[in-house]
PDB file of N, CA and C in Angstrom:
ATOM      1  N   MET A   1      -0.874  18.089 -36.381  1.00  0.00           N
ATOM      2  CA  MET A   1      -0.350  18.418 -35.068  1.00  0.00           C
ATOM      3  C   MET A   1       0.388  17.200 -34.524  1.00  0.00           C
ATOM      4  N   LYS A   2       1.536  17.436 -33.931  1.00  0.00           N
ATOM      5  CA  LYS A   2       2.305  16.349 -33.343  1.00  0.00           C
ATOM      6  C   LYS A   2       1.523  15.736 -32.196  1.00  0.00           C
ATOM      7  N   HIS A   3       1.842  14.463 -31.898  1.00  0.00           N
ATOM      8  CA  HIS A   3       1.146  13.765 -30.816  1.00  0.00           C
ATOM      9  C   HIS A   3       1.503  14.394 -29.466  1.00  0.00           C
ATOM     10  N   LEU A   4       0.489  14.793 -28.739  1.00  0.00           N
ATOM     11  CA  LEU A   4       0.674  15.406 -27.426  1.00  0.00           C
ATOM     12  C   LEU A   4       0.065  14.514 -26.351  1.00  0.00           C
ATOM     13  N   THR A   5       0.627  14.583 -25.175  1.00  0.00           N
ATOM     14  CA  THR A   5       0.075  13.877 -24.020  1.00  0.00           C
ATOM     15  C   THR A   5       0.056  14.851 -22.844  1.00  0.00           C
ATOM     16  N   VAL A   6      -0.674  14.481 -21.840  1.00  0.00           N
ATOM     17  CA  VAL A   6      -0.712  15.283 -20.622  1.00  0.00           C
ATOM     18  C   VAL A   6      -0.060  14.471 -19.508  1.00  0.00           C
ATOM     19  N   LYS A   7       0.709  15.151 -18.670  1.00  0.00           N
ATOM     20  CA  LYS A   7       1.350  14.494 -17.534  1.00  0.00           C
ATOM     21  C   LYS A   7       0.995  15.259 -16.276  1.00  0.00           C
ATOM     22  N   SER A   8       0.847  14.514 -15.207  1.00  0.00           N
ATOM     23  CA  SER A   8       0.474  15.130 -13.941  1.00  0.00           C
ATOM     24  C   SER A   8       1.013  14.281 -12.806  1.00  0.00           C
ATOM     25  N   ARG A   9       1.209  14.904 -11.664  1.00  0.00           N
ATOM     26  CA  ARG A   9       1.631  14.175 -10.461  1.00  0.00           C
ATOM     27  C   ARG A   9       0.580  14.389  -9.393  1.00  0.00           C
ATOM     28  N   LEU A  10       0.442  13.396  -8.545  1.00  0.00           N
ATOM     29  CA  LEU A  10      -0.588  13.400  -7.520  1.00  0.00           C
ATOM     30  C   LEU A  10       0.056  13.366  -6.141  1.00  0.00           C
ATOM     31  N   TRP A  11      -0.488  14.133  -5.220  1.00  0.00           N
ATOM     32  CA  TRP A  11      -0.074  14.098  -3.827  1.00  0.00           C
ATOM     33  C   TRP A  11      -1.314  13.955  -2.968  1.00  0.00           C
ATOM     34  N   VAL A  12      -1.185  13.221  -1.884  1.00  0.00           N
ATOM     35  CA  VAL A  12      -2.230  13.162  -0.872  1.00  0.00           C
ATOM     36  C   VAL A  12      -1.703  13.988   0.292  1.00  0.00           C
ATOM     37  N   VAL A  13      -2.463  15.031   0.656  1.00  0.00           N
ATOM     38  CA  VAL A  13      -1.989  15.968   1.677  1.00  0.00           C
ATOM     39  C   VAL A  13      -2.980  16.069   2.832  1.00  0.00           C
ATOM     40  N   GLY A  14      -2.476  16.485   3.953  1.00  0.00           N
ATOM     41  CA  GLY A  14      -3.289  16.745   5.130  1.00  0.00           C
ATOM     42  C   GLY A  14      -2.890  18.087   5.712  1.00  0.00           C
ATOM     43  N   LYS A  15      -3.415  18.407   6.873  1.00  0.00           N
ATOM     44  CA  LYS A  15      -3.087  19.678   7.533  1.00  0.00           C
ATOM     45  C   LYS A  15      -1.594  19.802   7.788  1.00  0.00           C
ATOM     46  N   GLU A  16      -0.953  18.672   8.058  1.00  0.00           N
ATOM     47  CA  GLU A  16       0.475  18.662   8.389  1.00  0.00           C
ATOM     48  C   GLU A  16       1.366  18.750   7.157  1.00  0.00           C
ATOM     49  N   GLY A  17       0.800  18.603   5.974  1.00  0.00           N
ATOM     50  CA  GLY A  17       1.589  18.636   4.754  1.00  0.00           C
ATOM     51  C   GLY A  17       1.379  17.373   3.937  1.00  0.00           C
ATOM     52  N   THR A  18       2.351  17.051   3.099  1.00  0.00           N
ATOM     53  CA  THR A  18       2.246  15.901   2.203  1.00  0.00           C
ATOM     54  C   THR A  18       2.257  14.600   2.993  1.00  0.00           C
ATOM     55  N   PHE A  19       1.305  13.736   2.662  1.00  0.00           N
ATOM     56  CA  PHE A  19       1.252  12.398   3.250  1.00  0.00           C
ATOM     57  C   PHE A  19       1.881  11.402   2.292  1.00  0.00           C
ATOM     58  N   LEU A  20       1.356  11.328   1.070  1.00  0.00           N
ATOM     59  CA  LEU A  20       1.894  10.411   0.065  1.00  0.00           C
ATOM     60  C   LEU A  20       2.026  11.118  -1.277  1.00  0.00           C
ATOM     61  N   GLY A  21       3.049  10.740  -1.997  1.00  0.00           N
ATOM     62  CA  GLY A  21       3.289  11.181  -3.359  1.00  0.00           C
ATOM     63  C   GLY A  21       4.154  10.125  -4.017  1.00  0.00           C
ATOM     64  N   GLU A  22       4.490  10.330  -5.283  1.00  0.00           N
ATOM     65  CA  GLU A  22       5.278   9.326  -6.007  1.00  0.00           C
ATOM     66  C   GLU A  22       6.613   9.026  -5.334  1.00  0.00           C
ATOM     67  N   GLY A  23       7.309  10.059  -4.884  1.00  0.00           N
ATOM     68  CA  GLY A  23       8.608   9.858  -4.250  1.00  0.00           C
ATOM     69  C   GLY A  23       8.508   9.113  -2.935  1.00  0.00           C
ATOM     70  N   ARG A  24       7.498   9.442  -2.141  1.00  0.00           N
ATOM     71  CA  ARG A  24       7.313   8.777  -0.858  1.00  0.00           C
ATOM     72  C   ARG A  24       6.927   7.311  -1.061  1.00  0.00           C
ATOM     73  N   VAL A  25       6.096   7.060  -2.056  1.00  0.00           N
ATOM     74  CA  VAL A  25       5.709   5.672  -2.344  1.00  0.00           C
ATOM     75  C   VAL A  25       6.922   4.896  -2.856  1.00  0.00           C
ATOM     76  N   ALA A  26       7.760   5.534  -3.670  1.00  0.00           N
ATOM     77  CA  ALA A  26       8.991   4.872  -4.136  1.00  0.00           C
ATOM     78  C   ALA A  26       9.891   4.517  -2.948  1.00  0.00           C
ATOM     79  N   LEU A  27       9.967   5.413  -1.958  1.00  0.00           N
ATOM     80  CA  LEU A  27      10.757   5.131  -0.755  1.00  0.00           C
ATOM     81  C   LEU A  27      10.159   3.947   0.007  1.00  0.00           C
ATOM     82  N   LEU A  28       8.849   3.902   0.141  1.00  0.00           N
ATOM     83  CA  LEU A  28       8.207   2.780   0.822  1.00  0.00           C
ATOM     84  C   LEU A  28       8.475   1.463   0.095  1.00  0.00           C
ATOM     85  N   HIS A  29       8.411   1.487  -1.231  1.00  0.00           N
ATOM     86  CA  HIS A  29       8.728   0.283  -2.011  1.00  0.00           C
ATOM     87  C   HIS A  29      10.173  -0.162  -1.757  1.00  0.00           C
ATOM     88  N   ALA A  30      11.088   0.807  -1.724  1.00  0.00           N
ATOM     89  CA  ALA A  30      12.497   0.479  -1.508  1.00  0.00           C
ATOM     90  C   ALA A  30      12.708  -0.097  -0.096  1.00  0.00           C
ATOM     91  N   ILE A  31      12.042   0.469   0.885  1.00  0.00           N
ATOM     92  CA  ILE A  31      12.139  -0.058   2.252  1.00  0.00           C
ATOM     93  C   ILE A  31      11.606  -1.483   2.289  1.00  0.00           C
ATOM     94  N   ASN A  32      10.497  -1.710   1.632  1.00  0.00           N
ATOM     95  CA  ASN A  32       9.904  -3.050   1.601  1.00  0.00           C
ATOM     96  C   ASN A  32      10.850  -4.054   0.932  1.00  0.00           C
ATOM     97  N   ARG A  33      11.465  -3.634  -0.148  1.00  0.00           N
ATOM     98  CA  ARG A  33      12.352  -4.514  -0.909  1.00  0.00           C
ATOM     99  C   ARG A  33      13.668  -4.782  -0.181  1.00  0.00           C
ATOM    100  N   LEU A  34      14.202  -3.745   0.490  1.00  0.00           N
ATOM    101  CA  LEU A  34      15.549  -3.839   1.060  1.00  0.00           C
ATOM    102  C   LEU A  34      15.569  -4.047   2.572  1.00  0.00           C
ATOM    103  N   GLY A  35      14.442  -3.806   3.248  1.00  0.00           N
ATOM    104  CA  GLY A  35      14.359  -4.050   4.690  1.00  0.00           C
ATOM    105  C   GLY A  35      15.123  -3.081   5.556  1.00  0.00           C
ATOM    106  N   SER A  36      15.421  -1.898   4.996  1.00  0.00           N
ATOM    107  CA  SER A  36      16.244  -0.943   5.736  1.00  0.00           C
ATOM    108  C   SER A  36      16.036   0.458   5.171  1.00  0.00           C
ATOM    109  N   ILE A  37      15.888   1.442   6.070  1.00  0.00           N
ATOM    110  CA  ILE A  37      15.803   2.836   5.607  1.00  0.00           C
ATOM    111  C   ILE A  37      17.135   3.252   4.999  1.00  0.00           C
ATOM    112  N   THR A  38      18.236   2.840   5.617  1.00  0.00           N
ATOM    113  CA  THR A  38      19.566   3.193   5.103  1.00  0.00           C
ATOM    114  C   THR A  38      19.768   2.674   3.683  1.00  0.00           C
ATOM    115  N   LYS A  39      19.475   1.399   3.468  1.00  0.00           N
ATOM    116  CA  LYS A  39      19.646   0.808   2.129  1.00  0.00           C
ATOM    117  C   LYS A  39      18.674   1.425   1.132  1.00  0.00           C
ATOM    118  N   ALA A  40      17.445   1.688   1.573  1.00  0.00           N
ATOM    119  CA  ALA A  40      16.453   2.303   0.685  1.00  0.00           C
ATOM    120  C   ALA A  40      16.912   3.701   0.268  1.00  0.00           C
ATOM    121  N   ALA A  41      17.393   4.473   1.232  1.00  0.00           N
ATOM    122  CA  ALA A  41      17.871   5.826   0.931  1.00  0.00           C
ATOM    123  C   ALA A  41      19.028   5.780  -0.060  1.00  0.00           C
ATOM    124  N   LYS A  42      19.991   4.895   0.177  1.00  0.00           N
ATOM    125  CA  LYS A  42      21.140   4.775  -0.734  1.00  0.00           C
ATOM    126  C   LYS A  42      20.694   4.389  -2.137  1.00  0.00           C
ATOM    127  N   SER A  43      19.722   3.491  -2.227  1.00  0.00           N
ATOM    128  CA  SER A  43      19.252   3.053  -3.549  1.00  0.00           C
ATOM    129  C   SER A  43      18.583   4.177  -4.325  1.00  0.00           C
ATOM    130  N   MET A  44      18.141   5.208  -3.597  1.00  0.00           N
ATOM    131  CA  MET A  44      17.460   6.341  -4.229  1.00  0.00           C
ATOM    132  C   MET A  44      18.338   7.593  -4.265  1.00  0.00           C
ATOM    133  N   ASN A  45      19.623   7.430  -3.925  1.00  0.00           N
ATOM    134  CA  ASN A  45      20.554   8.572  -3.851  1.00  0.00           C
ATOM    135  C   ASN A  45      20.018   9.670  -2.933  1.00  0.00           C
ATOM    136  N   MET A  46      19.521   9.239  -1.776  1.00  0.00           N
ATOM    137  CA  MET A  46      18.931  10.142  -0.797  1.00  0.00           C
ATOM    138  C   MET A  46      19.697   9.961   0.502  1.00  0.00           C
ATOM    139  N   SER A  47      19.807  11.014   1.271  1.00  0.00           N
ATOM    140  CA  SER A  47      20.472  10.873   2.565  1.00  0.00           C
ATOM    141  C   SER A  47      19.567  10.086   3.511  1.00  0.00           C
ATOM    142  N   TYR A  48      20.200   9.411   4.459  1.00  0.00           N
ATOM    143  CA  TYR A  48      19.439   8.672   5.469  1.00  0.00           C
ATOM    144  C   TYR A  48      18.535   9.633   6.229  1.00  0.00           C
ATOM    145  N   LEU A  49      19.053  10.808   6.569  1.00  0.00           N
ATOM    146  CA  LEU A  49      18.284  11.776   7.354  1.00  0.00           C
ATOM    147  C   LEU A  49      17.006  12.192   6.624  1.00  0.00           C
ATOM    148  N   LYS A  50      17.129  12.448   5.329  1.00  0.00           N
ATOM    149  CA  LYS A  50      15.937  12.828   4.559  1.00  0.00           C
ATOM    150  C   LYS A  50      14.936  11.680   4.526  1.00  0.00           C
ATOM    151  N   ALA A  51      15.413  10.468   4.270  1.00  0.00           N
ATOM    152  CA  ALA A  51      14.524   9.301   4.222  1.00  0.00           C
ATOM    153  C   ALA A  51      13.843   9.099   5.573  1.00  0.00           C
ATOM    154  N   TRP A  52      14.608   9.211   6.646  1.00  0.00           N
ATOM    155  CA  TRP A  52      14.056   9.032   7.981  1.00  0.00           C
ATOM    156  C   TRP A  52      12.992  10.092   8.271  1.00  0.00           C
ATOM    157  N   LYS A  53      13.251  11.344   7.879  1.00  0.00           N
ATOM    158  CA  LYS A  53      12.274  12.423   8.084  1.00  0.00           C
ATOM    159  C   LYS A  53      10.992  12.167   7.291  1.00  0.00           C
ATOM    160  N   LEU A  54      11.123  11.643   6.071  1.00  0.00           N
ATOM    161  CA  LEU A  54       9.939  11.327   5.266  1.00  0.00           C
ATOM    162  C   LEU A  54       9.128  10.212   5.915  1.00  0.00           C
ATOM    163  N   VAL A  55       9.813   9.170   6.386  1.00  0.00           N
ATOM    164  CA  VAL A  55       9.129   8.060   7.061  1.00  0.00           C
ATOM    165  C   VAL A  55       8.432   8.563   8.317  1.00  0.00           C
ATOM    166  N   LYS A  56       9.134   9.361   9.101  1.00  0.00           N
ATOM    167  CA  LYS A  56       8.559   9.914  10.329  1.00  0.00           C
ATOM    168  C   LYS A  56       7.325  10.759  10.015  1.00  0.00           C
ATOM    169  N   SER A  57       7.418  11.574   8.987  1.00  0.00           N
ATOM    170  CA  SER A  57       6.296  12.428   8.580  1.00  0.00           C
ATOM    171  C   SER A  57       5.089  11.592   8.149  1.00  0.00           C
ATOM    172  N   MET A  58       5.342  10.546   7.345  1.00  0.00           N
ATOM    173  CA  MET A  58       4.236   9.684   6.895  1.00  0.00           C
ATOM    174  C   MET A  58       3.593   8.985   8.086  1.00  0.00           C
ATOM    175  N   ASN A  59       4.411   8.469   8.990  1.00  0.00           N
ATOM    176  CA  ASN A  59       3.880   7.773  10.163  1.00  0.00           C
ATOM    177  C   ASN A  59       3.075   8.707  11.061  1.00  0.00           C
ATOM    178  N   GLN A  60       3.526   9.954  11.193  1.00  0.00           N
ATOM    179  CA  GLN A  60       2.816  10.905  12.049  1.00  0.00           C
ATOM    180  C   GLN A  60       1.526  11.408  11.409  1.00  0.00           C
ATOM    181  N   THR A  61       1.499  11.493  10.093  1.00  0.00           N
ATOM    182  CA  THR A  61       0.317  11.985   9.386  1.00  0.00           C
ATOM    183  C   THR A  61      -0.748  10.906   9.262  1.00  0.00           C
ATOM    184  N   SER A  62      -0.313   9.668   9.192  1.00  0.00           N
ATOM    185  CA  SER A  62      -1.209   8.535   8.987  1.00  0.00           C
ATOM    186  C   SER A  62      -1.955   8.162  10.272  1.00  0.00           C
ATOM    187  N   PRO A  63      -3.193   7.675  10.127  1.00  0.00           N
ATOM    188  CA  PRO A  63      -3.913   7.189  11.307  1.00  0.00           C
ATOM    189  C   PRO A  63      -3.209   6.002  11.969  1.00  0.00           C
ATOM    190  N   LYS A  64      -2.488   5.211  11.171  1.00  0.00           N
ATOM    191  CA  LYS A  64      -1.724   4.067  11.668  1.00  0.00           C
ATOM    192  C   LYS A  64      -0.348   4.121  11.013  1.00  0.00           C
ATOM    193  N   PRO A  65       0.691   3.637  11.692  1.00  0.00           N
ATOM    194  CA  PRO A  65       2.039   3.660  11.104  1.00  0.00           C
ATOM    195  C   PRO A  65       2.113   2.862   9.794  1.00  0.00           C
ATOM    196  N   LEU A  66       2.903   3.390   8.859  1.00  0.00           N
ATOM    197  CA  LEU A  66       3.146   2.712   7.587  1.00  0.00           C
ATOM    198  C   LEU A  66       4.413   1.869   7.657  1.00  0.00           C
ATOM    199  N   VAL A  67       5.340   2.303   8.497  1.00  0.00           N
ATOM    200  CA  VAL A  67       6.662   1.688   8.587  1.00  0.00           C
ATOM    201  C   VAL A  67       6.954   1.371  10.052  1.00  0.00           C
ATOM    202  N   LYS A  68       7.555   0.210  10.272  1.00  0.00           N
ATOM    203  CA  LYS A  68       7.911  -0.218  11.630  1.00  0.00           C
ATOM    204  C   LYS A  68       9.394  -0.561  11.651  1.00  0.00           C
ATOM    205  N   LYS A  69      10.105   0.011  12.623  1.00  0.00           N
ATOM    206  CA  LYS A  69      11.530  -0.275  12.795  1.00  0.00           C
ATOM    207  C   LYS A  69      11.704  -1.249  13.942  1.00  0.00           C
ATOM    208  N   SER A  70      12.635  -2.163  13.758  1.00  0.00           N
ATOM    209  CA  SER A  70      13.018  -3.040  14.863  1.00  0.00           C
ATOM    210  C   SER A  70      14.521  -2.920  15.016  1.00  0.00           C
ATOM    211  N   SER A  71      14.966  -2.869  16.266  1.00  0.00           N
ATOM    212  CA  SER A  71      16.404  -2.709  16.486  1.00  0.00           C
ATOM    213  C   SER A  71      16.968  -3.919  17.209  1.00  0.00           C
ATOM    214  N   GLY A  72      18.266  -4.100  17.041  1.00  0.00           N
ATOM    215  CA  GLY A  72      18.966  -5.162  17.751  1.00  0.00           C
ATOM    216  C   GLY A  72      18.657  -6.547  17.224  1.00  0.00           C
ATOM    217  N   GLY A  73      18.851  -7.509  18.088  1.00  0.00           N
ATOM    218  CA  GLY A  73      18.635  -8.894  17.691  1.00  0.00           C
ATOM    219  C   GLY A  73      19.821  -9.455  16.935  1.00  0.00           C
ATOM    220  N   LYS A  74      19.772 -10.723  16.658  1.00  0.00           N
ATOM    221  CA  LYS A  74      20.914 -11.366  15.992  1.00  0.00           C
ATOM    222  C   LYS A  74      21.094 -10.879  14.562  1.00  0.00           C
ATOM    223  N   ASP A  75      20.012 -10.423  13.920  1.00  0.00           N
ATOM    224  CA  ASP A  75      20.126  -9.915  12.552  1.00  0.00           C
ATOM    225  C   ASP A  75      20.340  -8.407  12.512  1.00  0.00           C
ATOM    226  N   GLY A  76      20.391  -7.755  13.660  1.00  0.00           N
ATOM    227  CA  GLY A  76      20.668  -6.321  13.704  1.00  0.00           C
ATOM    228  C   GLY A  76      19.464  -5.442  13.454  1.00  0.00           C
ATOM    229  N   GLY A  77      18.271  -5.980  13.478  1.00  0.00           N
ATOM    230  CA  GLY A  77      17.077  -5.165  13.293  1.00  0.00           C
ATOM    231  C   GLY A  77      16.795  -4.891  11.828  1.00  0.00           C
ATOM    232  N   GLY A  78      15.925  -3.953  11.590  1.00  0.00           N
ATOM    233  CA  GLY A  78      15.566  -3.603  10.228  1.00  0.00           C
ATOM    234  C   GLY A  78      14.294  -2.786  10.203  1.00  0.00           C
ATOM    235  N   THR A  79      13.778  -2.595   9.026  1.00  0.00           N
ATOM    236  CA  THR A  79      12.584  -1.781   8.823  1.00  0.00           C
ATOM    237  C   THR A  79      11.638  -2.528   7.893  1.00  0.00           C
ATOM    238  N   THR A  80      10.371  -2.562   8.267  1.00  0.00           N
ATOM    239  CA  THR A  80       9.373  -3.238   7.447  1.00  0.00           C
ATOM    240  C   THR A  80       8.148  -2.351   7.285  1.00  0.00           C
ATOM    241  N   LEU A  81       7.403  -2.634   6.249  1.00  0.00           N
ATOM    242  CA  LEU A  81       6.116  -1.962   6.072  1.00  0.00           C
ATOM    243  C   LEU A  81       5.073  -2.706   6.882  1.00  0.00           C
ATOM    244  N   THR A  82       4.167  -1.952   7.452  1.00  0.00           N
ATOM    245  CA  THR A  82       3.046  -2.563   8.148  1.00  0.00           C
ATOM    246  C   THR A  82       1.993  -2.963   7.112  1.00  0.00           C
ATOM    247  N   GLU A  83       1.010  -3.716   7.543  1.00  0.00           N
ATOM    248  CA  GLU A  83      -0.101  -4.053   6.648  1.00  0.00           C
ATOM    249  C   GLU A  83      -0.769  -2.768   6.162  1.00  0.00           C
ATOM    250  N   TYR A  84      -0.891  -1.798   7.061  1.00  0.00           N
ATOM    251  CA  TYR A  84      -1.490  -0.516   6.702  1.00  0.00           C
ATOM    252  C   TYR A  84      -0.639   0.203   5.654  1.00  0.00           C
ATOM    253  N   GLY A  85       0.686   0.068   5.767  1.00  0.00           N
ATOM    254  CA  GLY A  85       1.588   0.658   4.784  1.00  0.00           C
ATOM    255  C   GLY A  85       1.377   0.064   3.398  1.00  0.00           C
ATOM    256  N   HIS A  86       1.235  -1.248   3.334  1.00  0.00           N
ATOM    257  CA  HIS A  86       0.964  -1.909   2.049  1.00  0.00           C
ATOM    258  C   HIS A  86      -0.367  -1.436   1.461  1.00  0.00           C
ATOM    259  N   LYS A  87      -1.373  -1.303   2.323  1.00  0.00           N
ATOM    260  CA  LYS A  87      -2.689  -0.836   1.860  1.00  0.00           C
ATOM    261  C   LYS A  87      -2.623   0.606   1.363  1.00  0.00           C
ATOM    262  N   ALA A  88      -1.856   1.440   2.053  1.00  0.00           N
ATOM    263  CA  ALA A  88      -1.721   2.843   1.645  1.00  0.00           C
ATOM    264  C   ALA A  88      -1.055   2.944   0.270  1.00  0.00           C
ATOM    265  N   ILE A  89      -0.029   2.133   0.038  1.00  0.00           N
ATOM    266  CA  ILE A  89       0.633   2.121  -1.278  1.00  0.00           C
ATOM    267  C   ILE A  89      -0.363   1.712  -2.355  1.00  0.00           C
ATOM    268  N   LYS A  90      -1.101   0.644  -2.103  1.00  0.00           N
ATOM    269  CA  LYS A  90      -2.064   0.158  -3.091  1.00  0.00           C
ATOM    270  C   LYS A  90      -3.115   1.225  -3.390  1.00  0.00           C
ATOM    271  N   LEU A  91      -3.631   1.866  -2.355  1.00  0.00           N
ATOM    272  CA  LEU A  91      -4.623   2.927  -2.537  1.00  0.00           C
ATOM    273  C   LEU A  91      -4.056   4.065  -3.376  1.00  0.00           C
ATOM    274  N   PHE A  92      -2.840   4.505  -3.036  1.00  0.00           N
ATOM    275  CA  PHE A  92      -2.223   5.604  -3.776  1.00  0.00           C
ATOM    276  C   PHE A  92      -2.011   5.230  -5.236  1.00  0.00           C
ATOM    277  N   GLU A  93      -1.486   4.037  -5.490  1.00  0.00           N
ATOM    278  CA  GLU A  93      -1.200   3.632  -6.872  1.00  0.00           C
ATOM    279  C   GLU A  93      -2.480   3.494  -7.691  1.00  0.00           C
ATOM    280  N   GLU A  94      -3.548   2.962  -7.090  1.00  0.00           N
ATOM    281  CA  GLU A  94      -4.826   2.866  -7.791  1.00  0.00           C
ATOM    282  C   GLU A  94      -5.384   4.255  -8.089  1.00  0.00           C
ATOM    283  N   LEU A  95      -5.315   5.142  -7.107  1.00  0.00           N
ATOM    284  CA  LEU A  95      -5.794   6.509  -7.298  1.00  0.00           C
ATOM    285  C   LEU A  95      -4.985   7.233  -8.371  1.00  0.00           C
ATOM    286  N   SER A  96      -3.676   7.050  -8.341  1.00  0.00           N
ATOM    287  CA  SER A  96      -2.801   7.683  -9.325  1.00  0.00           C
ATOM    288  C   SER A  96      -3.100   7.172 -10.740  1.00  0.00           C
ATOM    289  N   ASP A  97      -3.309   5.857 -10.879  1.00  0.00           N
ATOM    290  CA  ASP A  97      -3.659   5.291 -12.190  1.00  0.00           C
ATOM    291  C   ASP A  97      -4.962   5.874 -12.711  1.00  0.00           C
ATOM    292  N   LYS A  98      -5.980   5.935 -11.861  1.00  0.00           N
ATOM    293  CA  LYS A  98      -7.282   6.485 -12.277  1.00  0.00           C
ATOM    294  C   LYS A  98      -7.160   7.966 -12.613  1.00  0.00           C
ATOM    295  N   HIS A  99      -6.379   8.676 -11.848  1.00  0.00           N
ATOM    296  CA  HIS A  99      -6.132  10.101 -12.084  1.00  0.00           C
ATOM    297  C   HIS A  99      -5.507  10.307 -13.467  1.00  0.00           C
ATOM    298  N   ASN A 100      -4.485   9.527 -13.771  1.00  0.00           N
ATOM    299  CA  ASN A 100      -3.808   9.656 -15.064  1.00  0.00           C
ATOM    300  C   ASN A 100      -4.694   9.223 -16.223  1.00  0.00           C
ATOM    301  N   GLN A 101      -5.479   8.159 -16.025  1.00  0.00           N
ATOM    302  CA  GLN A 101      -6.404   7.712 -17.074  1.00  0.00           C
ATOM    303  C   GLN A 101      -7.443   8.799 -17.377  1.00  0.00           C
ATOM    304  N   TYR A 102      -7.990   9.393 -16.319  1.00  0.00           N
ATOM    305  CA  TYR A 102      -8.987  10.445 -16.497  1.00  0.00           C
ATOM    306  C   TYR A 102      -8.398  11.631 -17.252  1.00  0.00           C
ATOM    307  N   LEU A 103      -7.224  12.083 -16.823  1.00  0.00           N
ATOM    308  CA  LEU A 103      -6.611  13.235 -17.477  1.00  0.00           C
ATOM    309  C   LEU A 103      -6.271  12.948 -18.940  1.00  0.00           C
ATOM    310  N   SER A 104      -5.770  11.754 -19.209  1.00  0.00           N
ATOM    311  CA  SER A 104      -5.427  11.397 -20.593  1.00  0.00           C
ATOM    312  C   SER A 104      -6.667  11.396 -21.480  1.00  0.00           C
ATOM    313  N   GLN A 105      -7.743  10.793 -20.995  1.00  0.00           N
ATOM    314  CA  GLN A 105      -8.984  10.736 -21.777  1.00  0.00           C
ATOM    315  C   GLN A 105      -9.573  12.135 -21.974  1.00  0.00           C
ATOM    316  N   LYS A 106      -9.595  12.924 -20.915  1.00  0.00           N
ATOM    317  CA  LYS A 106     -10.130  14.286 -20.998  1.00  0.00           C
ATOM    318  C   LYS A 106      -9.306  15.119 -21.977  1.00  0.00           C
ATOM    319  N   PHE A 107      -7.994  15.018 -21.904  1.00  0.00           N
ATOM    320  CA  PHE A 107      -7.123  15.769 -22.793  1.00  0.00           C
ATOM    321  C   PHE A 107      -7.319  15.340 -24.242  1.00  0.00           C
ATOM    322  N   GLU A 108      -7.404  14.023 -24.461  1.00  0.00           N
ATOM    323  CA  GLU A 108      -7.611  13.497 -25.805  1.00  0.00           C
ATOM    324  C   GLU A 108      -8.901  14.053 -26.421  1.00  0.00           C
ATOM    325  N   ASN A 109      -9.970  14.062 -25.636  1.00  0.00           N
ATOM    326  CA  ASN A 109     -11.252  14.587 -26.111  1.00  0.00           C
ATOM    327  C   ASN A 109     -11.164  16.071 -26.422  1.00  0.00           C
ATOM    328  N   GLN A 110     -10.527  16.827 -25.559  1.00  0.00           N
ATOM    329  CA  GLN A 110     -10.414  18.266 -25.795  1.00  0.00           C
ATOM    330  C   GLN A 110      -9.494  18.576 -26.971  1.00  0.00           C
ATOM    331  N   LEU A 111      -8.466  17.774 -27.161  1.00  0.00           N
ATOM    332  CA  LEU A 111      -7.572  17.970 -28.290  1.00  0.00           C
ATOM    333  C   LEU A 111      -8.318  17.726 -29.602  1.00  0.00           C
ATOM    334  N   LYS A 112      -9.168  16.694 -29.636  1.00  0.00           N
ATOM    335  CA  LYS A 112      -9.985  16.422 -30.825  1.00  0.00           C
ATOM    336  C   LYS A 112     -10.908  17.611 -31.115  1.00  0.00           C
ATOM    337  N   GLU A 113     -11.522  18.135 -30.066  1.00  0.00           N
ATOM    338  CA  GLU A 113     -12.402  19.300 -30.237  1.00  0.00           C
ATOM    339  C   GLU A 113     -11.640  20.492 -30.770  1.00  0.00           C
ATOM    340  N   LEU A 114     -10.432  20.696 -30.285  1.00  0.00           N
ATOM    341  CA  LEU A 114      -9.589  21.802 -30.750  1.00  0.00           C
ATOM    342  C   LEU A 114      -9.254  21.619 -32.230  1.00  0.00           C
ATOM    343  N   GLN A 115      -8.858  20.404 -32.601  1.00  0.00           N
ATOM    344  CA  GLN A 115      -8.484  20.118 -33.992  1.00  0.00           C
ATOM    345  C   GLN A 115      -9.677  20.261 -34.936  1.00  0.00           C
ATOM    346  N   ASN A 116     -10.867  19.936 -34.421  1.00  0.00           N
ATOM    347  CA  ASN A 116     -12.078  20.052 -35.237  1.00  0.00           C
ATOM    348  C   ASN A 116     -12.665  21.452 -35.245  1.00  0.00           C
ATOM    349  N   GLY A 117     -12.077  22.343 -34.473  1.00  0.00           N
ATOM    350  CA  GLY A 117     -12.566  23.717 -34.396  1.00  0.00           C
ATOM    351  C   GLY A 117     -13.795  23.865 -33.514  1.00  0.00           C
ATOM    352  N   ASP A 118     -14.065  22.880 -32.685  1.00  0.00           N
ATOM    353  CA  ASP A 118     -15.235  22.946 -31.800  1.00  0.00           C
ATOM    354  C   ASP A 118     -15.004  23.799 -30.570  1.00  0.00           C
ATOM    355  N   ILE A 119     -13.754  24.154 -30.316  1.00  0.00           N
ATOM    356  CA  ILE A 119     -13.460  24.995 -29.156  1.00  0.00           C
ATOM    357  C   ILE A 119     -13.111  26.378 -29.632  1.00  0.00           C
TER     358      ILE A 119
END
């Protein structure tokens, strides 16, 4: 039998809908790296409006804001992740890694059982 793997995606959801997923975390990383929702959206081939709506949704769903915007000033403002935003990313990435490790191990074990005729 050819080598098979299992793939899965994880979302953290609440009553209001999706809180975090791979795409939202990628947007947060881009905002952190580029300091701007506009630049982050462009780097992901996403419209500013969509990126802004995702940020707004995450901030409203979260107990504390993940992203903070500042306007004006000599540098023209920008967007940064809050400490809570950094913690949320870390939590999601750790959970996603454990989720994928569990599924891979479980699938590997079941595939062996299938090949051995135990299932």
